[in-house]
Amino acid sequence: MSERVVLVTGGAGFLGSHLCDRLMALGARVICLDNLMTGSIANISHLIGRSGFRFVQHDVIAPFDPNEPVDEIFNLACPASPPQYARDPIHTFQTCVLGAMNMLELARANGARIVQASTSEVYGDPTVSPQPETYRGSVNPVGPRACYDEGKRGAETLFYHYRQSHALDARIARIFNTYGPRMSPDDGRVVSNFIVQALTGAPLTVYGTGQQTRSFCYVDDMVEGLMRLMAAPGRGLGPVNLGNPGEFTMLELAELVLSKTGSGSSLTFAPLPQDDPRQRRPDIALADQLLDWAPGVPLSEGLDRTIAYFAESIHQGKTGE
């Protein structure tokens, strides 16, 4: 990787910053692009000033000129949790669609390989489980989640047509729920919500009955999957599901977090948000076949690492260290 220039959009975000770490460790020259709406300089502060790393504050809804040739692009830019993308749904949709088009044009101009961070949300509230890449989804195009769900579906459409019309090496990863250190405390996703609530003694907020399920993939495993998708032989791969097929109810997750934190927090129940998926579990047979990839970090181990991160963050916040 020492001669490769890699652009990571959303590079100061949770997943993007871990990807930047991995690329830097392999010797790539990294351009980290982020508008800092949901990303944080704190996530990449240890990289700033290092040889081969360049941070640029920029919004992908506008074209970007890196002022140097680019070999690979990971397009991760977009808020990734309902509270985040609902704050400005029009901008979220623009990020998904205009951002994808701008990065595709940049890849086309440079002859670069590009990976799109799509999402399991393209499956909506699924009627089949586990969800294979051939499943077309059950998405409400006019609901509160549509700015993200349909935005990501639109981005996949653009990637498909750039492959067909311009022979661009455009690849698509459908990312299932990812968690780990550097998630924001107010991220709004269930793992960070439960851990922060448990550590601060607040009630854990369970939506609906708590019987809806999710599959949780530790961030290191996800980065490995993205790297393998970028490096795999062939042209225009995907969509490929990347996620952990282990399936847990929200109540099971809550009890696991309470047990691991030793928290005395109670559970409080709230209405299920509109269009919230009742079940989510990836079929990763294609990732195994094409990438020889499967997640290796079980939920129990990943939660230990994530809880330790949040415990330290909360301690630093309280003590001012």
Protein backbone atom coordinates (compact mmCIF):
# COMPACT_ATOMS: atom_id res chain seq x y z
CA MET A 1 0.00 0.00 0.00
CA SER A 2 3.03 2.32 0.32
CA GLU A 3 2.55 3.81 -3.16
CA ARG A 4 -1.24 4.06 -3.07
CA VAL A 5 -3.24 7.21 -2.37
CA VAL A 6 -6.55 6.39 -0.70
CA LEU A 7 -9.39 8.84 -0.16
CA VAL A 8 -11.75 8.11 2.75
CA THR A 9 -14.89 10.23 2.86
CA GLY A 10 -16.43 10.38 6.31
CA GLY A 11 -12.92 9.61 7.53
CA ALA A 12 -13.31 11.41 10.86
CA GLY A 13 -16.38 9.37 11.73
CA PHE A 14 -16.63 6.23 13.85
CA LEU A 15 -16.03 3.66 11.12
CA GLY A 16 -14.04 5.95 8.83
CA SER A 17 -11.42 6.77 11.46
CA HIS A 18 -10.78 3.08 12.14
CA LEU A 19 -10.41 2.55 8.40
CA CYS A 20 -7.90 5.42 8.23
CA ASP A 21 -5.93 3.76 11.05
CA ARG A 22 -5.78 0.49 9.13
CA LEU A 23 -4.73 2.15 5.88
CA MET A 24 -2.02 4.18 7.60
CA ALA A 25 -0.70 1.05 9.33
CA LEU A 26 -0.34 -0.56 5.91
CA GLY A 27 1.62 2.42 4.61
CA ALA A 28 -0.96 4.04 2.35
CA ARG A 29 -1.13 7.79 1.85
CA VAL A 30 -4.54 8.76 3.21
CA ILE A 31 -6.73 11.74 2.39
CA CYS A 32 -9.38 11.96 5.10
CA LEU A 33 -12.41 13.98 3.98
CA ASP A 34 -15.13 14.98 6.44
CA ASN A 35 -17.50 17.91 7.00
CA LEU A 36 -17.51 17.18 10.77
CA MET A 37 -21.31 17.21 11.03
CA THR A 38 -21.16 13.85 12.83
CA GLY A 39 -17.44 13.08 12.63
CA SER A 40 -14.92 14.39 15.13
CA ILE A 41 -11.35 15.63 14.97
CA ALA A 42 -10.80 13.69 18.20
CA ASN A 43 -11.20 10.44 16.23
CA ILE A 44 -8.22 11.27 14.01
CA SER A 45 -6.14 13.56 16.24
CA HIS A 46 -3.49 10.87 16.62
CA LEU A 47 -3.07 10.81 12.81
CA ILE A 48 -2.93 14.55 12.14
CA GLY A 49 0.64 15.65 11.51
CA ARG A 50 1.82 12.18 10.56
CA SER A 51 3.56 11.76 7.22
CA GLY A 52 1.17 10.40 4.63
CA PHE A 53 -2.03 11.65 6.31
CA ARG A 54 -4.00 14.67 5.16
CA PHE A 55 -7.30 15.89 6.63
CA VAL A 56 -9.58 18.07 4.53
CA GLN A 57 -12.81 19.54 5.90
CA HIS A 58 -15.22 19.30 2.98
CA ASP A 59 -18.84 18.34 2.30
CA VAL A 60 -19.18 15.64 -0.36
CA ILE A 61 -22.37 17.16 -1.75
CA ALA A 62 -19.93 19.53 -3.51
CA PRO A 63 -17.30 18.22 -5.96
CA PHE A 64 -13.85 17.66 -4.49
CA ASP A 65 -10.44 18.12 -6.12
CA PRO A 66 -7.73 16.27 -4.17
CA ASN A 67 -4.96 18.05 -6.14
CA GLU A 68 -3.20 14.72 -6.66
CA PRO A 69 -4.00 11.38 -8.31
CA VAL A 70 -6.13 9.01 -6.24
CA ASP A 71 -5.92 5.22 -6.51
CA GLU A 72 -8.80 4.12 -4.25
CA ILE A 73 -11.88 5.74 -2.71
CA PHE A 74 -13.90 4.53 0.26
CA ASN A 75 -17.16 6.51 0.26
CA LEU A 76 -18.32 6.39 3.89
CA ALA A 77 -19.70 9.94 4.19
CA CYS A 78 -23.20 10.05 5.71
CA PRO A 79 -24.86 10.18 9.13
CA ALA A 80 -25.58 6.57 10.06
CA SER A 81 -28.17 6.56 12.86
CA PRO A 82 -31.81 7.72 12.83
CA PRO A 83 -31.30 10.68 15.22
CA GLN A 84 -28.34 11.87 13.18
CA TYR A 85 -29.82 11.60 9.71
CA ALA A 86 -33.20 12.95 10.83
CA ARG A 87 -31.67 16.26 11.95
CA ASP A 88 -31.38 17.38 8.33
CA PRO A 89 -33.06 14.77 6.14
CA ILE A 90 -32.65 16.75 2.92
CA HIS A 91 -28.90 17.08 3.50
CA THR A 92 -28.75 13.37 4.37
CA PHE A 93 -30.35 12.50 1.04
CA GLN A 94 -28.00 14.88 -0.78
CA THR A 95 -25.02 13.29 0.96
CA CYS A 96 -26.13 9.83 -0.17
CA VAL A 97 -26.88 10.71 -3.79
CA LEU A 98 -24.87 13.81 -4.71
CA GLY A 99 -21.96 12.60 -2.59
CA ALA A 100 -21.96 9.25 -4.37
CA MET A 101 -22.10 10.94 -7.79
CA ASN A 102 -19.24 13.31 -6.95
CA MET A 103 -17.07 10.45 -5.73
CA LEU A 104 -17.94 8.32 -8.77
CA GLU A 105 -16.93 11.19 -11.05
CA LEU A 106 -13.67 11.56 -9.12
CA ALA A 107 -13.04 7.82 -9.44
CA ARG A 108 -13.81 7.99 -13.15
CA ALA A 109 -11.41 10.91 -13.68
CA ASN A 110 -8.62 9.08 -11.84
CA GLY A 111 -9.29 5.55 -13.01
CA ALA A 112 -9.67 4.70 -9.32
CA ARG A 113 -11.40 1.78 -7.68
CA ILE A 114 -14.25 2.89 -5.41
CA VAL A 115 -16.18 1.19 -2.57
CA GLN A 116 -19.58 2.48 -1.51
CA ALA A 117 -20.61 2.07 2.11
CA SER A 118 -24.22 1.10 1.62
CA THR A 119 -26.33 -0.29 4.42
CA SER A 120 -28.64 -3.05 5.58
CA GLU A 121 -31.28 -0.32 5.71
CA VAL A 122 -31.81 -0.89 1.98
CA TYR A 123 -33.72 -4.01 3.09
CA GLY A 124 -36.13 -1.87 5.15
CA ASP A 125 -38.38 -3.89 7.45
CA PRO A 126 -37.56 -7.27 5.87
CA THR A 127 -40.03 -10.02 5.16
CA VAL A 128 -37.29 -12.66 4.82
CA SER A 129 -34.48 -13.59 7.19
CA PRO A 130 -31.56 -13.78 6.95
CA GLN A 131 -31.40 -11.14 4.24
CA PRO A 132 -29.44 -12.16 1.09
CA GLU A 133 -28.21 -9.61 -1.44
CA THR A 134 -30.92 -10.81 -3.85
CA TYR A 135 -33.69 -9.63 -1.50
CA ARG A 136 -35.13 -6.37 -2.84
CA GLY A 137 -36.29 -5.00 0.47
CA SER A 138 -39.42 -3.55 2.03
CA VAL A 139 -38.79 0.18 2.33
CA ASN A 140 -41.22 3.04 2.92
CA PRO A 141 -40.16 5.80 0.48
CA VAL A 142 -42.09 8.54 2.30
CA GLY A 143 -41.34 7.79 5.96
CA PRO A 144 -38.94 9.41 8.46
CA ARG A 145 -36.16 6.93 7.62
CA ALA A 146 -36.51 7.32 3.85
CA CYS A 147 -33.88 10.05 3.53
CA TYR A 148 -31.29 7.45 4.51
CA ASP A 149 -32.87 4.21 3.25
CA GLU A 150 -33.81 5.54 -0.17
CA GLY A 151 -30.71 7.74 -0.35
CA LYS A 152 -28.51 4.67 0.01
CA ARG A 153 -30.62 2.76 -2.51
CA GLY A 154 -30.20 5.67 -4.91
CA ALA A 155 -26.43 5.58 -4.39
CA GLU A 156 -26.40 1.88 -5.23
CA THR A 157 -28.28 2.68 -8.44
CA LEU A 158 -25.63 5.23 -9.38
CA PHE A 159 -22.86 2.72 -8.72
CA TYR A 160 -24.62 0.16 -10.89
CA HIS A 161 -25.02 2.55 -13.81
CA TYR A 162 -21.46 3.90 -13.59
CA ARG A 163 -20.28 0.30 -13.81
CA GLN A 164 -22.50 -0.35 -16.81
CA SER A 165 -21.98 2.95 -18.65
CA HIS A 166 -18.35 3.75 -17.83
CA ALA A 167 -16.83 0.35 -16.94
CA LEU A 168 -15.90 1.86 -13.58
CA ASP A 169 -14.60 -0.51 -10.92
CA ALA A 170 -17.33 0.45 -8.45
CA ARG A 171 -18.00 -1.87 -5.51
CA ILE A 172 -20.84 -1.93 -2.96
CA ALA A 173 -20.78 -3.09 0.67
CA ARG A 174 -24.08 -3.42 2.53
CA ILE A 175 -23.02 -2.76 6.11
CA PHE A 176 -25.02 -4.19 9.00
CA ASN A 177 -25.03 -2.71 12.51
CA THR A 178 -21.44 -1.91 13.49
CA TYR A 179 -20.24 -0.95 16.97
CA GLY A 180 -17.06 -0.32 18.91
CA PRO A 181 -14.81 2.40 20.34
CA ARG A 182 -15.23 5.95 18.99
CA MET A 183 -19.00 5.71 18.69
CA SER A 184 -20.41 9.01 19.88
CA PRO A 185 -22.23 8.92 23.24
CA ASP A 186 -25.21 10.61 21.57
CA ASP A 187 -24.94 8.49 18.43
CA GLY A 188 -28.47 7.20 18.92
CA ARG A 189 -27.78 3.57 18.02
CA VAL A 190 -28.76 0.92 20.50
CA VAL A 191 -25.30 -0.29 21.59
CA SER A 192 -24.03 3.18 22.52
CA ASN A 193 -27.41 4.10 24.04
CA PHE A 194 -27.49 1.07 26.32
CA ILE A 195 -23.84 1.34 27.39
CA VAL A 196 -23.99 5.05 28.21
CA GLN A 197 -27.28 4.65 30.07
CA ALA A 198 -25.94 1.68 32.05
CA LEU A 199 -22.69 3.43 32.97
CA THR A 200 -24.48 6.60 34.11
CA GLY A 201 -27.23 4.78 35.99
CA ALA A 202 -30.00 5.95 33.68
CA PRO A 203 -32.80 3.57 32.66
CA LEU A 204 -32.09 1.64 29.46
CA THR A 205 -34.59 2.75 26.81
CA VAL A 206 -36.12 -0.24 25.02
CA TYR A 207 -38.38 0.52 22.07
CA GLY A 208 -41.47 -1.56 21.43
CA THR A 209 -41.51 -4.94 23.17
CA GLY A 210 -37.76 -5.39 22.85
CA GLN A 211 -38.27 -8.55 20.80
CA GLN A 212 -37.04 -6.95 17.58
CA THR A 213 -33.61 -8.27 16.58
CA ARG A 214 -30.32 -6.90 15.30
CA SER A 215 -26.97 -8.41 14.34
CA PHE A 216 -23.91 -6.57 15.66
CA CYS A 217 -20.51 -6.50 13.95
CA TYR A 218 -17.41 -5.25 15.79
CA VAL A 219 -15.66 -2.40 14.02
CA ASP A 220 -12.35 -4.24 13.44
CA ASP A 221 -14.19 -7.01 11.61
CA MET A 222 -16.04 -4.47 9.48
CA VAL A 223 -12.82 -2.68 8.51
CA GLU A 224 -11.33 -6.02 7.48
CA GLY A 225 -14.38 -6.72 5.31
CA LEU A 226 -14.15 -3.33 3.60
CA MET A 227 -10.44 -3.79 2.97
CA ARG A 228 -11.02 -7.21 1.45
CA LEU A 229 -13.80 -5.89 -0.76
CA MET A 230 -11.50 -3.17 -2.07
CA ALA A 231 -8.65 -5.62 -2.69
CA ALA A 232 -10.64 -8.52 -4.17
CA PRO A 233 -9.90 -9.48 -7.77
CA GLY A 234 -12.49 -8.74 -10.40
CA ARG A 235 -14.34 -5.60 -11.36
CA GLY A 236 -17.49 -3.97 -10.02
CA LEU A 237 -18.21 -6.35 -7.12
CA GLY A 238 -21.30 -6.28 -4.97
CA PRO A 239 -23.56 -5.55 -3.36
CA VAL A 240 -21.96 -7.73 -0.68
CA ASN A 241 -23.41 -8.02 2.82
CA LEU A 242 -20.89 -7.30 5.60
CA GLY A 243 -22.13 -8.03 9.09
CA ASN A 244 -22.23 -10.54 11.90
CA PRO A 245 -24.97 -13.17 11.46
CA GLY A 246 -25.36 -13.57 15.22
CA GLU A 247 -28.89 -12.35 16.02
CA PHE A 248 -29.98 -10.83 19.35
CA THR A 249 -33.18 -9.29 20.65
CA MET A 250 -32.99 -5.85 22.19
CA LEU A 251 -33.88 -7.35 25.56
CA GLU A 252 -31.00 -9.84 25.26
CA LEU A 253 -28.62 -6.99 24.44
CA ALA A 254 -29.90 -4.92 27.36
CA GLU A 255 -29.41 -7.77 29.82
CA LEU A 256 -25.90 -8.43 28.47
CA VAL A 257 -24.91 -4.78 28.87
CA LEU A 258 -26.34 -4.63 32.40
CA SER A 259 -24.46 -7.79 33.34
CA LYS A 260 -21.14 -6.59 31.93
CA THR A 261 -21.34 -3.11 33.45
CA GLY A 262 -22.69 -4.27 36.80
CA SER A 263 -25.25 -1.53 36.46
CA GLY A 264 -28.40 -1.35 38.54
CA SER A 265 -30.23 0.52 35.80
CA SER A 266 -33.81 -0.45 35.11
CA LEU A 267 -35.50 -0.82 31.74
CA THR A 268 -37.96 1.71 30.41
CA PHE A 269 -40.14 1.05 27.40
CA ALA A 270 -41.04 3.53 24.66
CA PRO A 271 -43.14 3.24 21.50
CA LEU A 272 -41.42 1.66 18.51
CA PRO A 273 -40.44 4.38 16.01
CA GLN A 274 -42.16 4.38 12.64
CA ASP A 275 -40.67 1.93 10.12
CA ASP A 276 -38.21 0.55 12.67
CA PRO A 277 -37.16 -2.91 11.35
CA ARG A 278 -38.44 -5.86 13.36
CA GLN A 279 -35.62 -8.16 12.28
CA ARG A 280 -32.13 -7.73 10.87
CA ARG A 281 -29.67 -10.53 10.12
CA PRO A 282 -27.22 -10.77 7.21
CA ASP A 283 -26.69 -13.71 4.93
CA ILE A 284 -22.89 -13.50 4.47
CA ALA A 285 -22.40 -16.47 2.12
CA LEU A 286 -21.36 -14.13 -0.70
CA ALA A 287 -18.75 -12.39 1.48
CA ASP A 288 -17.37 -15.80 2.41
CA GLN A 289 -17.24 -16.84 -1.25
CA LEU A 290 -15.82 -13.65 -2.77
CA LEU A 291 -13.75 -12.25 0.08
CA ASP A 292 -13.03 -15.26 2.31
CA TRP A 293 -14.39 -13.05 5.08
CA ALA A 294 -16.38 -13.72 8.23
CA PRO A 295 -16.45 -11.75 11.49
CA GLY A 296 -14.23 -13.08 14.28
CA VAL A 297 -15.13 -10.96 17.33
CA PRO A 298 -18.13 -12.29 19.28
CA LEU A 299 -20.58 -9.80 20.75
CA SER A 300 -19.49 -10.50 24.33
CA GLU A 301 -15.85 -9.66 23.57
CA GLY A 302 -16.71 -6.63 21.45
CA LEU A 303 -18.96 -5.25 24.17
CA ASP A 304 -16.14 -5.57 26.72
CA ARG A 305 -13.91 -3.38 24.53
CA THR A 306 -16.67 -0.90 23.80
CA ILE A 307 -17.76 -0.60 27.43
CA ALA A 308 -14.14 0.06 28.46
CA TYR A 309 -13.93 2.85 25.89
CA PHE A 310 -17.11 4.54 27.07
CA ALA A 311 -16.18 4.11 30.73
CA GLU A 312 -12.88 5.90 30.10
CA SER A 313 -14.58 8.61 28.05
CA ILE A 314 -17.15 9.26 30.76
CA HIS A 315 -14.39 9.32 33.42
CA GLN A 316 -12.39 11.86 31.45
CA GLY A 317 -15.48 13.98 30.95
CA LYS A 318 -16.24 14.03 34.66
CA THR A 319 -12.73 14.66 35.88
CA GLY A 320 -11.64 17.04 33.13
CA GLU A 321 -8.51 14.97 32.48
